Amino acid sequence: MLIHPWDGPREDAEWQRWLDVHDFGQLVVNGLDGEPPHVQPLHFAYDAERGEAVTHLARPHPMWPALLANPEVVLSVVDDYVYVPGPWQAAPEQPPEHGVPTSFYAAVQLRCRALVVDDPAEKAELLDRQVGHFQPEGGSAEVAVGEAPYGRLLSGIRGLRLEVTGVRAKFKFGGSRSDEVQERIAGKLAGRTGPRDAAAREHMLRRRPA
């Protein structure tokens, strides 16, 4: 992923806050013997203090042999993406039809060392952490080994602790454009009201110099 200086995070807290609410991504695991990589969409819970993300998958998943052979993986998350038409991007001295279309998006790629969790008690703790992240209001029974309703299901999954060893983060929201062009794009996003236009506009305005 190419990251220009104007697209990089201002501080670690920027991408960490974003990951706290953008908690669905793709886990990429190197294939065995030259095979293509495994790519698994999944929910995860990121913990900035521990420097790890936790998740789980079904025990029959075909990626386990590849992951055990090479635990260096990437967890990739992309969201808040929009298409920006060319005329919106045209410089003031250009005809609108000469503007270059582009994409705006936020992306975080966590390089991780994957640790497989098979101990039942550790899996129960990991699952409770995930549920606590996604259901802070509660409403589900605690996961406990040998106890209903979830204890008997623990044998059917394997947990994953993804220890973060490197981060690449990008917030591509017109940071290299002039104030005039950015204001135009922000106005156009406000008027278009597409599914992610409000989020993209918020990024753009938030990242402009004070």
N, C-alpha and C. Protein backbone atom coordinates (compact mmCIF):
# COMPACT_ATOMS: atom_id res chain seq x y z
N MET A 1 0.85 -1.18 0.00
CA MET A 1 0.00 0.00 0.00
C MET A 1 0.89 1.24 0.00
N LEU A 2 0.73 2.06 -1.02
CA LEU A 2 1.47 3.32 -1.11
C LEU A 2 0.84 4.34 -0.16
N ILE A 3 1.67 4.97 0.66
CA ILE A 3 1.18 5.97 1.60
C ILE A 3 1.98 7.26 1.41
N HIS A 4 1.37 8.26 0.80
CA HIS A 4 2.02 9.56 0.67
C HIS A 4 2.04 10.25 2.03
N PRO A 5 2.97 11.17 2.24
CA PRO A 5 3.05 11.85 3.54
C PRO A 5 1.74 12.50 3.97
N TRP A 6 0.99 13.04 3.02
CA TRP A 6 -0.26 13.73 3.38
C TRP A 6 -1.41 12.76 3.68
N ASP A 7 -1.20 11.48 3.41
CA ASP A 7 -2.24 10.47 3.68
C ASP A 7 -1.97 9.66 4.94
N GLY A 8 -0.80 9.80 5.52
CA GLY A 8 -0.46 9.00 6.69
C GLY A 8 -1.18 9.48 7.94
N PRO A 9 -1.28 8.63 8.95
CA PRO A 9 -1.94 9.04 10.20
C PRO A 9 -1.13 10.12 10.90
N ARG A 10 -1.83 11.03 11.56
CA ARG A 10 -1.15 12.09 12.30
C ARG A 10 -0.48 11.55 13.55
N GLU A 11 -1.06 10.51 14.13
CA GLU A 11 -0.54 9.86 15.33
C GLU A 11 -1.15 8.47 15.40
N ASP A 12 -0.56 7.60 16.21
CA ASP A 12 -1.09 6.25 16.34
C ASP A 12 -2.53 6.24 16.81
N ALA A 13 -2.89 7.19 17.67
CA ALA A 13 -4.25 7.22 18.20
C ALA A 13 -5.29 7.36 17.09
N GLU A 14 -4.90 7.96 15.96
CA GLU A 14 -5.87 8.15 14.88
C GLU A 14 -6.33 6.80 14.31
N TRP A 15 -5.38 5.94 13.95
CA TRP A 15 -5.79 4.65 13.38
C TRP A 15 -6.32 3.70 14.47
N GLN A 16 -5.84 3.86 15.71
CA GLN A 16 -6.34 3.01 16.79
C GLN A 16 -7.81 3.30 17.09
N ARG A 17 -8.17 4.59 17.13
CA ARG A 17 -9.58 4.94 17.35
C ARG A 17 -10.44 4.42 16.21
N TRP A 18 -9.92 4.52 14.98
CA TRP A 18 -10.67 4.07 13.81
C TRP A 18 -10.90 2.56 13.88
N LEU A 19 -9.89 1.80 14.27
CA LEU A 19 -10.03 0.34 14.37
C LEU A 19 -11.01 -0.08 15.45
N ASP A 20 -11.16 0.74 16.47
CA ASP A 20 -12.06 0.38 17.55
C ASP A 20 -13.50 0.27 17.08
N VAL A 21 -13.85 1.01 16.03
CA VAL A 21 -15.22 0.96 15.52
C VAL A 21 -15.30 0.33 14.13
N HIS A 22 -14.16 0.08 13.51
CA HIS A 22 -14.13 -0.62 12.22
C HIS A 22 -13.48 -1.98 12.49
N ASP A 23 -14.30 -2.89 12.96
CA ASP A 23 -13.81 -4.15 13.53
C ASP A 23 -14.20 -5.36 12.70
N PHE A 24 -14.29 -5.16 11.40
CA PHE A 24 -14.50 -6.28 10.47
C PHE A 24 -13.49 -6.11 9.34
N GLY A 25 -12.68 -7.16 9.13
CA GLY A 25 -11.64 -7.06 8.10
C GLY A 25 -11.39 -8.39 7.44
N GLN A 26 -10.21 -8.51 6.83
CA GLN A 26 -9.83 -9.74 6.15
C GLN A 26 -8.47 -10.19 6.67
N LEU A 27 -8.44 -11.43 7.13
CA LEU A 27 -7.20 -12.04 7.59
C LEU A 27 -6.54 -12.73 6.40
N VAL A 28 -5.28 -12.37 6.13
CA VAL A 28 -4.55 -12.90 4.97
C VAL A 28 -3.43 -13.79 5.49
N VAL A 29 -3.47 -15.06 5.07
CA VAL A 29 -2.50 -16.06 5.53
C VAL A 29 -1.79 -16.62 4.30
N ASN A 30 -0.46 -16.69 4.36
CA ASN A 30 0.30 -17.21 3.23
C ASN A 30 -0.08 -18.66 2.93
N GLY A 31 -0.23 -18.97 1.62
CA GLY A 31 -0.55 -20.33 1.22
C GLY A 31 0.65 -21.25 1.35
N LEU A 32 0.38 -22.54 1.37
CA LEU A 32 1.44 -23.54 1.45
C LEU A 32 2.01 -23.83 0.06
N ASP A 33 3.33 -23.99 -0.02
CA ASP A 33 3.99 -24.48 -1.24
C ASP A 33 3.58 -23.69 -2.48
N GLY A 34 3.59 -22.37 -2.38
CA GLY A 34 3.30 -21.55 -3.54
C GLY A 34 1.84 -21.40 -3.88
N GLU A 35 0.95 -21.94 -3.05
CA GLU A 35 -0.47 -21.77 -3.30
C GLU A 35 -0.88 -20.32 -3.02
N PRO A 36 -2.01 -19.86 -3.59
CA PRO A 36 -2.48 -18.51 -3.28
C PRO A 36 -2.76 -18.35 -1.80
N PRO A 37 -2.71 -17.13 -1.29
CA PRO A 37 -2.99 -16.92 0.13
C PRO A 37 -4.44 -17.21 0.47
N HIS A 38 -4.67 -17.56 1.72
CA HIS A 38 -6.03 -17.66 2.25
C HIS A 38 -6.47 -16.26 2.67
N VAL A 39 -7.70 -15.89 2.35
CA VAL A 39 -8.25 -14.60 2.74
C VAL A 39 -9.59 -14.85 3.41
N GLN A 40 -9.67 -14.56 4.71
CA GLN A 40 -10.86 -14.86 5.49
C GLN A 40 -11.48 -13.59 6.06
N PRO A 41 -12.70 -13.22 5.61
CA PRO A 41 -13.41 -12.11 6.26
C PRO A 41 -13.81 -12.50 7.68
N LEU A 42 -13.66 -11.57 8.62
CA LEU A 42 -14.03 -11.88 10.00
C LEU A 42 -14.17 -10.62 10.86
N HIS A 43 -14.94 -10.78 11.94
CA HIS A 43 -14.96 -9.79 13.00
C HIS A 43 -13.75 -10.02 13.91
N PHE A 44 -13.27 -8.95 14.52
CA PHE A 44 -12.16 -9.06 15.47
C PHE A 44 -12.33 -7.95 16.50
N ALA A 45 -11.64 -8.09 17.62
CA ALA A 45 -11.61 -7.05 18.64
C ALA A 45 -10.16 -6.63 18.83
N TYR A 46 -9.87 -5.35 18.56
CA TYR A 46 -8.52 -4.83 18.68
C TYR A 46 -8.33 -4.20 20.05
N ASP A 47 -7.21 -4.51 20.69
CA ASP A 47 -6.89 -3.98 22.01
C ASP A 47 -5.57 -3.22 21.90
N ALA A 48 -5.64 -1.89 21.91
CA ALA A 48 -4.45 -1.07 21.73
C ALA A 48 -3.46 -1.26 22.89
N GLU A 49 -3.96 -1.41 24.11
CA GLU A 49 -3.08 -1.55 25.27
C GLU A 49 -2.28 -2.85 25.20
N ARG A 50 -2.92 -3.91 24.75
CA ARG A 50 -2.21 -5.20 24.65
C ARG A 50 -1.46 -5.34 23.33
N GLY A 51 -1.77 -4.48 22.37
CA GLY A 51 -1.11 -4.58 21.07
C GLY A 51 -1.50 -5.83 20.31
N GLU A 52 -2.78 -6.21 20.39
CA GLU A 52 -3.22 -7.42 19.72
C GLU A 52 -4.68 -7.32 19.32
N ALA A 53 -5.05 -8.16 18.38
CA ALA A 53 -6.45 -8.36 18.01
C ALA A 53 -6.79 -9.81 18.31
N VAL A 54 -8.04 -10.06 18.70
CA VAL A 54 -8.46 -11.42 18.99
C VAL A 54 -9.66 -11.78 18.12
N THR A 55 -9.70 -13.04 17.72
CA THR A 55 -10.80 -13.54 16.90
C THR A 55 -10.83 -15.06 17.03
N HIS A 56 -11.70 -15.71 16.29
CA HIS A 56 -11.74 -17.17 16.31
C HIS A 56 -12.36 -17.66 15.00
N LEU A 57 -12.08 -18.91 14.68
CA LEU A 57 -12.62 -19.54 13.48
C LEU A 57 -12.96 -21.00 13.78
N ALA A 58 -13.76 -21.57 12.92
CA ALA A 58 -14.15 -22.97 13.09
C ALA A 58 -12.94 -23.89 12.96
N ARG A 59 -12.93 -24.94 13.76
CA ARG A 59 -11.82 -25.89 13.72
C ARG A 59 -11.61 -26.52 12.34
N PRO A 60 -12.68 -26.80 11.55
CA PRO A 60 -12.45 -27.41 10.22
C PRO A 60 -11.93 -26.44 9.16
N HIS A 61 -11.67 -25.18 9.50
CA HIS A 61 -11.26 -24.20 8.48
C HIS A 61 -10.01 -24.68 7.75
N PRO A 62 -9.98 -24.57 6.42
CA PRO A 62 -8.85 -25.11 5.66
C PRO A 62 -7.56 -24.31 5.78
N MET A 63 -7.59 -23.14 6.40
CA MET A 63 -6.37 -22.33 6.46
C MET A 63 -5.42 -22.73 7.58
N TRP A 64 -5.90 -23.56 8.56
CA TRP A 64 -5.08 -23.84 9.74
C TRP A 64 -3.70 -24.41 9.40
N PRO A 65 -3.57 -25.39 8.50
CA PRO A 65 -2.21 -25.89 8.20
C PRO A 65 -1.27 -24.80 7.70
N ALA A 66 -1.79 -23.90 6.85
CA ALA A 66 -0.95 -22.82 6.33
C ALA A 66 -0.56 -21.85 7.43
N LEU A 67 -1.49 -21.53 8.31
CA LEU A 67 -1.21 -20.58 9.39
C LEU A 67 -0.19 -21.15 10.38
N LEU A 68 -0.32 -22.44 10.67
CA LEU A 68 0.63 -23.06 11.60
C LEU A 68 2.03 -23.15 10.98
N ALA A 69 2.07 -23.31 9.65
CA ALA A 69 3.37 -23.38 8.96
C ALA A 69 4.04 -22.01 8.91
N ASN A 70 3.24 -20.96 8.82
CA ASN A 70 3.79 -19.59 8.76
C ASN A 70 2.82 -18.66 9.48
N PRO A 71 3.09 -18.36 10.75
CA PRO A 71 2.15 -17.55 11.54
C PRO A 71 2.24 -16.05 11.27
N GLU A 72 3.07 -15.62 10.32
CA GLU A 72 3.14 -14.19 9.98
C GLU A 72 1.98 -13.87 9.03
N VAL A 73 1.03 -13.06 9.51
CA VAL A 73 -0.20 -12.81 8.77
C VAL A 73 -0.44 -11.30 8.68
N VAL A 74 -1.44 -10.94 7.88
CA VAL A 74 -1.87 -9.54 7.77
C VAL A 74 -3.37 -9.48 8.01
N LEU A 75 -3.78 -8.55 8.87
CA LEU A 75 -5.19 -8.25 9.07
C LEU A 75 -5.45 -6.90 8.40
N SER A 76 -6.29 -6.92 7.38
CA SER A 76 -6.53 -5.74 6.55
C SER A 76 -7.96 -5.24 6.72
N VAL A 77 -8.09 -3.92 6.95
CA VAL A 77 -9.40 -3.30 7.12
C VAL A 77 -9.49 -2.08 6.21
N VAL A 78 -10.56 -1.99 5.43
CA VAL A 78 -10.81 -0.84 4.55
C VAL A 78 -12.25 -0.41 4.71
N ASP A 79 -12.48 0.90 4.85
CA ASP A 79 -13.85 1.40 4.96
C ASP A 79 -13.85 2.91 4.66
N ASP A 80 -15.01 3.51 4.81
CA ASP A 80 -15.21 4.94 4.57
C ASP A 80 -14.75 5.34 3.17
N TYR A 81 -14.95 4.43 2.22
CA TYR A 81 -14.48 4.67 0.85
C TYR A 81 -15.58 5.27 0.00
N VAL A 82 -15.18 6.19 -0.86
CA VAL A 82 -16.11 6.83 -1.79
C VAL A 82 -15.40 7.06 -3.12
N TYR A 83 -16.18 7.16 -4.16
CA TYR A 83 -15.67 7.56 -5.47
C TYR A 83 -15.80 9.07 -5.60
N VAL A 84 -14.73 9.72 -6.06
CA VAL A 84 -14.73 11.17 -6.23
C VAL A 84 -14.65 11.47 -7.72
N PRO A 85 -15.72 12.02 -8.32
CA PRO A 85 -15.72 12.31 -9.76
C PRO A 85 -14.64 13.32 -10.14
N GLY A 86 -14.17 13.21 -11.38
CA GLY A 86 -13.11 14.10 -11.87
C GLY A 86 -13.42 15.58 -11.72
N PRO A 87 -14.61 16.06 -12.12
CA PRO A 87 -14.87 17.50 -12.01
C PRO A 87 -14.75 18.04 -10.59
N TRP A 88 -15.01 17.21 -9.59
CA TRP A 88 -14.88 17.69 -8.21
C TRP A 88 -13.42 18.02 -7.88
N GLN A 89 -12.50 17.34 -8.55
CA GLN A 89 -11.08 17.46 -8.22
C GLN A 89 -10.34 18.48 -9.07
N ALA A 90 -10.99 19.08 -10.04
CA ALA A 90 -10.31 19.99 -10.95
C ALA A 90 -9.76 21.20 -10.20
N ALA A 91 -8.53 21.58 -10.54
CA ALA A 91 -7.95 22.78 -9.96
C ALA A 91 -8.69 24.01 -10.49
N PRO A 92 -8.65 25.14 -9.77
CA PRO A 92 -9.40 26.33 -10.19
C PRO A 92 -9.09 26.78 -11.60
N GLU A 93 -7.85 26.57 -12.06
CA GLU A 93 -7.46 27.03 -13.40
C GLU A 93 -7.79 26.00 -14.49
N GLN A 94 -8.33 24.84 -14.10
CA GLN A 94 -8.64 23.78 -15.06
C GLN A 94 -10.10 23.79 -15.44
N PRO A 95 -10.41 23.35 -16.68
CA PRO A 95 -11.82 23.06 -16.98
C PRO A 95 -12.27 21.89 -16.12
N PRO A 96 -13.52 21.85 -15.66
CA PRO A 96 -13.98 20.75 -14.80
C PRO A 96 -13.74 19.38 -15.41
N GLU A 97 -13.88 19.27 -16.73
CA GLU A 97 -13.74 17.96 -17.37
C GLU A 97 -12.30 17.45 -17.37
N HIS A 98 -11.35 18.28 -16.95
CA HIS A 98 -9.95 17.85 -16.89
C HIS A 98 -9.57 17.34 -15.50
N GLY A 99 -10.47 17.40 -14.56
CA GLY A 99 -10.18 16.88 -13.24
C GLY A 99 -9.99 15.37 -13.27
N VAL A 100 -9.18 14.87 -12.37
CA VAL A 100 -8.85 13.44 -12.33
C VAL A 100 -9.70 12.73 -11.29
N PRO A 101 -10.50 11.74 -11.68
CA PRO A 101 -11.28 10.98 -10.68
C PRO A 101 -10.34 10.23 -9.72
N THR A 102 -10.84 9.96 -8.55
CA THR A 102 -10.03 9.22 -7.58
C THR A 102 -10.94 8.53 -6.56
N SER A 103 -10.31 7.82 -5.65
CA SER A 103 -11.00 7.18 -4.54
C SER A 103 -10.51 7.79 -3.24
N PHE A 104 -11.41 8.01 -2.31
CA PHE A 104 -11.05 8.33 -0.93
C PHE A 104 -11.33 7.09 -0.10
N TYR A 105 -10.47 6.83 0.89
CA TYR A 105 -10.71 5.68 1.76
C TYR A 105 -9.79 5.74 2.98
N ALA A 106 -10.19 5.00 3.99
CA ALA A 106 -9.34 4.75 5.16
C ALA A 106 -8.96 3.27 5.14
N ALA A 107 -7.72 2.99 5.47
CA ALA A 107 -7.24 1.59 5.47
C ALA A 107 -6.20 1.41 6.55
N VAL A 108 -6.28 0.28 7.24
CA VAL A 108 -5.26 -0.10 8.21
C VAL A 108 -4.88 -1.55 7.93
N GLN A 109 -3.59 -1.79 7.84
CA GLN A 109 -3.07 -3.14 7.67
C GLN A 109 -2.17 -3.47 8.87
N LEU A 110 -2.59 -4.46 9.63
CA LEU A 110 -1.81 -4.90 10.78
C LEU A 110 -1.01 -6.14 10.40
N ARG A 111 0.28 -6.04 10.49
CA ARG A 111 1.10 -7.24 10.34
C ARG A 111 1.18 -7.88 11.71
N CYS A 112 0.90 -9.16 11.77
CA CYS A 112 0.75 -9.83 13.07
C CYS A 112 1.45 -11.18 13.09
N ARG A 113 1.77 -11.60 14.30
CA ARG A 113 2.17 -12.98 14.53
C ARG A 113 0.99 -13.67 15.19
N ALA A 114 0.47 -14.70 14.53
CA ALA A 114 -0.74 -15.37 14.98
C ALA A 114 -0.41 -16.46 15.99
N LEU A 115 -1.10 -16.43 17.11
CA LEU A 115 -0.96 -17.45 18.14
C LEU A 115 -2.28 -18.20 18.24
N VAL A 116 -2.26 -19.49 17.98
CA VAL A 116 -3.47 -20.31 18.02
C VAL A 116 -3.80 -20.66 19.47
N VAL A 117 -5.06 -20.49 19.83
CA VAL A 117 -5.51 -20.76 21.20
C VAL A 117 -6.40 -21.99 21.17
N ASP A 118 -5.94 -23.08 21.81
CA ASP A 118 -6.71 -24.32 21.87
C ASP A 118 -7.14 -24.69 23.29
N ASP A 119 -6.49 -24.11 24.29
CA ASP A 119 -6.88 -24.42 25.67
C ASP A 119 -8.30 -23.93 25.91
N PRO A 120 -9.19 -24.80 26.40
CA PRO A 120 -10.60 -24.41 26.56
C PRO A 120 -10.80 -23.16 27.41
N ALA A 121 -10.10 -23.05 28.53
CA ALA A 121 -10.27 -21.89 29.40
C ALA A 121 -9.80 -20.62 28.71
N GLU A 122 -8.69 -20.70 27.98
CA GLU A 122 -8.19 -19.54 27.25
C GLU A 122 -9.13 -19.15 26.12
N LYS A 123 -9.73 -20.15 25.46
CA LYS A 123 -10.71 -19.84 24.42
C LYS A 123 -11.93 -19.15 25.02
N ALA A 124 -12.37 -19.61 26.17
CA ALA A 124 -13.53 -18.99 26.81
C ALA A 124 -13.24 -17.53 27.13
N GLU A 125 -12.04 -17.25 27.64
CA GLU A 125 -11.67 -15.87 27.97
C GLU A 125 -11.61 -15.01 26.71
N LEU A 126 -11.06 -15.58 25.64
CA LEU A 126 -10.96 -14.85 24.38
C LEU A 126 -12.36 -14.52 23.83
N LEU A 127 -13.26 -15.49 23.89
CA LEU A 127 -14.62 -15.25 23.39
C LEU A 127 -15.35 -14.21 24.22
N ASP A 128 -15.14 -14.24 25.52
CA ASP A 128 -15.78 -13.24 26.37
C ASP A 128 -15.25 -11.85 26.05
N ARG A 129 -13.97 -11.75 25.69
CA ARG A 129 -13.41 -10.45 25.28
C ARG A 129 -14.08 -9.97 24.00
N GLN A 130 -14.27 -10.87 23.06
CA GLN A 130 -14.92 -10.47 21.82
C GLN A 130 -16.36 -10.04 22.06
N VAL A 131 -17.10 -10.83 22.80
CA VAL A 131 -18.50 -10.49 23.07
C VAL A 131 -18.59 -9.18 23.84
N GLY A 132 -17.65 -8.96 24.77
CA GLY A 132 -17.64 -7.71 25.51
C GLY A 132 -17.43 -6.50 24.62
N HIS A 133 -16.64 -6.69 23.58
CA HIS A 133 -16.41 -5.59 22.62
C HIS A 133 -17.65 -5.30 21.80
N PHE A 134 -18.27 -6.36 21.27
CA PHE A 134 -19.40 -6.17 20.36
C PHE A 134 -20.73 -6.01 21.07
N GLN A 135 -20.83 -6.50 22.31
CA GLN A 135 -22.07 -6.39 23.08
C GLN A 135 -21.78 -5.81 24.46
N PRO A 136 -21.33 -4.57 24.52
CA PRO A 136 -21.03 -3.99 25.85
C PRO A 136 -22.27 -3.90 26.73
N GLU A 137 -23.45 -3.95 26.09
CA GLU A 137 -24.69 -3.91 26.87
C GLU A 137 -25.02 -5.25 27.49
N GLY A 138 -24.24 -6.30 27.17
CA GLY A 138 -24.50 -7.62 27.73
C GLY A 138 -25.63 -8.32 26.99
N GLY A 139 -26.29 -9.24 27.69
CA GLY A 139 -27.42 -9.94 27.10
C GLY A 139 -27.12 -11.37 26.72
N SER A 140 -25.84 -11.77 26.71
CA SER A 140 -25.48 -13.15 26.41
C SER A 140 -24.83 -13.78 27.64
N ALA A 141 -24.99 -15.08 27.76
CA ALA A 141 -24.39 -15.80 28.88
C ALA A 141 -22.87 -15.77 28.77
N GLU A 142 -22.19 -15.86 29.90
CA GLU A 142 -20.74 -15.94 29.91
C GLU A 142 -20.30 -17.28 29.34
N VAL A 143 -19.17 -17.27 28.64
CA VAL A 143 -18.62 -18.52 28.12
C VAL A 143 -17.80 -19.17 29.23
N ALA A 144 -18.15 -20.38 29.61
CA ALA A 144 -17.45 -21.08 30.68
C ALA A 144 -17.28 -22.54 30.30
N VAL A 145 -16.10 -23.07 30.55
CA VAL A 145 -15.79 -24.46 30.19
C VAL A 145 -16.74 -25.41 30.91
N GLY A 146 -17.37 -26.30 30.16
CA GLY A 146 -18.23 -27.32 30.72
C GLY A 146 -19.58 -26.84 31.18
N GLU A 147 -19.90 -25.58 30.91
CA GLU A 147 -21.19 -25.05 31.36
C GLU A 147 -22.03 -24.61 30.18
N ALA A 148 -23.34 -24.82 30.29
CA ALA A 148 -24.26 -24.39 29.26
C ALA A 148 -24.34 -22.85 29.26
N PRO A 149 -24.63 -22.23 28.10
CA PRO A 149 -24.98 -22.90 26.85
C PRO A 149 -23.81 -23.07 25.88
N TYR A 150 -22.65 -22.44 26.19
CA TYR A 150 -21.59 -22.39 25.19
C TYR A 150 -20.45 -23.36 25.44
N GLY A 151 -20.36 -23.92 26.64
CA GLY A 151 -19.21 -24.75 26.97
C GLY A 151 -19.00 -25.90 26.01
N ARG A 152 -20.08 -26.54 25.60
CA ARG A 152 -19.95 -27.71 24.72
C ARG A 152 -19.51 -27.32 23.30
N LEU A 153 -19.62 -26.03 22.96
CA LEU A 153 -19.26 -25.58 21.62
C LEU A 153 -17.79 -25.22 21.48
N LEU A 154 -17.08 -25.14 22.59
CA LEU A 154 -15.68 -24.68 22.53
C LEU A 154 -14.80 -25.60 21.70
N SER A 155 -15.10 -26.89 21.70
CA SER A 155 -14.26 -27.83 20.95
C SER A 155 -14.37 -27.63 19.45
N GLY A 156 -15.39 -26.93 18.99
CA GLY A 156 -15.59 -26.74 17.55
C GLY A 156 -14.89 -25.54 16.97
N ILE A 157 -14.17 -24.76 17.80
CA ILE A 157 -13.49 -23.58 17.31
C ILE A 157 -12.04 -23.58 17.79
N ARG A 158 -11.24 -22.71 17.17
CA ARG A 158 -9.90 -22.41 17.65
C ARG A 158 -9.80 -20.89 17.75
N GLY A 159 -9.21 -20.41 18.82
CA GLY A 159 -9.04 -18.98 18.99
C GLY A 159 -7.78 -18.49 18.32
N LEU A 160 -7.73 -17.19 18.07
CA LEU A 160 -6.55 -16.56 17.48
C LEU A 160 -6.23 -15.28 18.23
N ARG A 161 -5.01 -15.19 18.70
CA ARG A 161 -4.48 -13.92 19.19
C ARG A 161 -3.48 -13.42 18.16
N LEU A 162 -3.73 -12.24 17.66
CA LEU A 162 -2.90 -11.66 16.61
C LEU A 162 -2.05 -10.56 17.22
N GLU A 163 -0.78 -10.89 17.51
CA GLU A 163 0.13 -9.92 18.11
C GLU A 163 0.67 -8.99 17.02
N VAL A 164 0.40 -7.71 17.17
CA VAL A 164 0.75 -6.73 16.13
C VAL A 164 2.25 -6.47 16.15
N THR A 165 2.90 -6.68 14.99
CA THR A 165 4.33 -6.44 14.86
C THR A 165 4.63 -5.26 13.93
N GLY A 166 3.63 -4.79 13.20
CA GLY A 166 3.82 -3.65 12.31
C GLY A 166 2.48 -3.12 11.85
N VAL A 167 2.44 -1.83 11.53
CA VAL A 167 1.19 -1.18 11.13
C VAL A 167 1.44 -0.29 9.92
N ARG A 168 0.54 -0.39 8.95
CA ARG A 168 0.51 0.56 7.84
C ARG A 168 -0.91 1.11 7.79
N ALA A 169 -1.02 2.43 7.94
CA ALA A 169 -2.33 3.07 7.99
C ALA A 169 -2.37 4.22 6.99
N LYS A 170 -3.54 4.40 6.41
CA LYS A 170 -3.70 5.42 5.36
C LYS A 170 -5.08 6.05 5.45
N PHE A 171 -5.11 7.38 5.38
CA PHE A 171 -6.35 8.13 5.34
C PHE A 171 -6.30 9.03 4.12
N LYS A 172 -6.77 8.50 3.00
CA LYS A 172 -6.67 9.20 1.71
C LYS A 172 -7.95 10.01 1.49
N PHE A 173 -7.87 11.29 1.84
CA PHE A 173 -9.06 12.14 1.76
C PHE A 173 -8.69 13.53 1.23
N GLY A 174 -7.97 13.55 0.11
CA GLY A 174 -7.70 14.81 -0.57
C GLY A 174 -6.70 15.71 0.12
N GLY A 175 -5.81 15.13 0.91
CA GLY A 175 -4.86 15.94 1.67
C GLY A 175 -3.89 16.75 0.84
N SER A 176 -3.68 16.37 -0.42
CA SER A 176 -2.74 17.11 -1.27
C SER A 176 -3.43 18.20 -2.08
N ARG A 177 -4.76 18.31 -1.96
CA ARG A 177 -5.50 19.31 -2.74
C ARG A 177 -5.53 20.66 -2.05
N SER A 178 -5.74 21.70 -2.82
CA SER A 178 -5.81 23.05 -2.27
C SER A 178 -7.05 23.20 -1.39
N ASP A 179 -7.04 24.24 -0.55
CA ASP A 179 -8.19 24.51 0.30
C ASP A 179 -9.46 24.68 -0.53
N GLU A 180 -9.34 25.36 -1.65
CA GLU A 180 -10.51 25.61 -2.49
C GLU A 180 -11.10 24.31 -3.02
N VAL A 181 -10.23 23.42 -3.48
CA VAL A 181 -10.70 22.15 -4.02
C VAL A 181 -11.27 21.28 -2.89
N GLN A 182 -10.62 21.27 -1.75
CA GLN A 182 -11.14 20.48 -0.63
C GLN A 182 -12.52 20.98 -0.20
N GLU A 183 -12.70 22.28 -0.17
CA GLU A 183 -14.01 22.83 0.20
C GLU A 183 -15.08 22.42 -0.82
N ARG A 184 -14.70 22.43 -2.10
CA ARG A 184 -15.64 22.01 -3.14
C ARG A 184 -16.03 20.54 -2.94
N ILE A 185 -15.03 19.69 -2.72
CA ILE A 185 -15.31 18.26 -2.56
C ILE A 185 -16.17 18.03 -1.32
N ALA A 186 -15.85 18.71 -0.23
CA ALA A 186 -16.64 18.55 1.00
C ALA A 186 -18.10 18.93 0.75
N GLY A 187 -18.32 20.01 0.00
CA GLY A 187 -19.69 20.42 -0.32
C GLY A 187 -20.39 19.41 -1.20
N LYS A 188 -19.68 18.86 -2.16
CA LYS A 188 -20.27 17.86 -3.06
C LYS A 188 -20.63 16.59 -2.29
N LEU A 189 -19.76 16.17 -1.37
CA LEU A 189 -20.06 14.98 -0.56
C LEU A 189 -21.30 15.21 0.30
N ALA A 190 -21.41 16.42 0.85
CA ALA A 190 -22.58 16.73 1.68
C ALA A 190 -23.85 16.68 0.86
N GLY A 191 -23.77 17.10 -0.40
CA GLY A 191 -24.96 17.12 -1.24
C GLY A 191 -25.31 15.77 -1.83
N ARG A 192 -24.30 14.90 -2.01
CA ARG A 192 -24.58 13.60 -2.65
C ARG A 192 -25.23 12.63 -1.68
N THR A 193 -24.83 12.64 -0.42
CA THR A 193 -25.40 11.79 0.64
C THR A 193 -25.42 10.31 0.27
N GLY A 194 -24.32 9.82 -0.28
CA GLY A 194 -24.18 8.39 -0.53
C GLY A 194 -23.91 7.65 0.76
N PRO A 195 -23.81 6.30 0.71
CA PRO A 195 -23.70 5.49 1.92
C PRO A 195 -22.53 5.86 2.84
N ARG A 196 -21.39 6.26 2.27
CA ARG A 196 -20.22 6.58 3.10
C ARG A 196 -19.76 8.02 2.91
N ASP A 197 -20.56 8.84 2.23
CA ASP A 197 -20.14 10.22 1.95
C ASP A 197 -19.94 11.03 3.22
N ALA A 198 -20.82 10.87 4.21
CA ALA A 198 -20.70 11.65 5.44
C ALA A 198 -19.41 11.30 6.18
N ALA A 199 -19.07 10.01 6.23
CA ALA A 199 -17.85 9.59 6.92
C ALA A 199 -16.61 10.12 6.19
N ALA A 200 -16.61 10.05 4.86
CA ALA A 200 -15.47 10.56 4.09
C ALA A 200 -15.32 12.07 4.29
N ARG A 201 -16.43 12.79 4.27
CA ARG A 201 -16.38 14.24 4.48
C ARG A 201 -15.85 14.56 5.87
N GLU A 202 -16.26 13.79 6.87
CA GLU A 202 -15.77 14.02 8.23
C GLU A 202 -14.27 13.84 8.31
N HIS A 203 -13.75 12.80 7.67
CA HIS A 203 -12.29 12.59 7.63
C HIS A 203 -11.60 13.79 6.97
N MET A 204 -12.15 14.22 5.84
CA MET A 204 -11.53 15.31 5.10
C MET A 204 -11.44 16.58 5.95
N LEU A 205 -12.55 16.94 6.59
CA LEU A 205 -12.58 18.16 7.39
C LEU A 205 -11.73 18.01 8.65
N ARG A 206 -11.74 16.83 9.25
CA ARG A 206 -10.96 16.61 10.47
C ARG A 206 -9.46 16.72 10.23
N ARG A 207 -9.02 16.28 9.05
CA ARG A 207 -7.59 16.22 8.78
C ARG A 207 -7.03 17.51 8.16
N ARG A 208 -7.90 18.48 7.88
CA ARG A 208 -7.39 19.75 7.35
C ARG A 208 -6.66 20.51 8.43
N PRO A 209 -5.58 21.23 8.06
CA PRO A 209 -4.88 22.03 9.07
C PRO A 209 -5.82 23.05 9.71
N ALA A 210 -5.61 23.30 10.99
CA ALA A 210 -6.46 24.25 11.72
C ALA A 210 -6.30 25.66 11.13
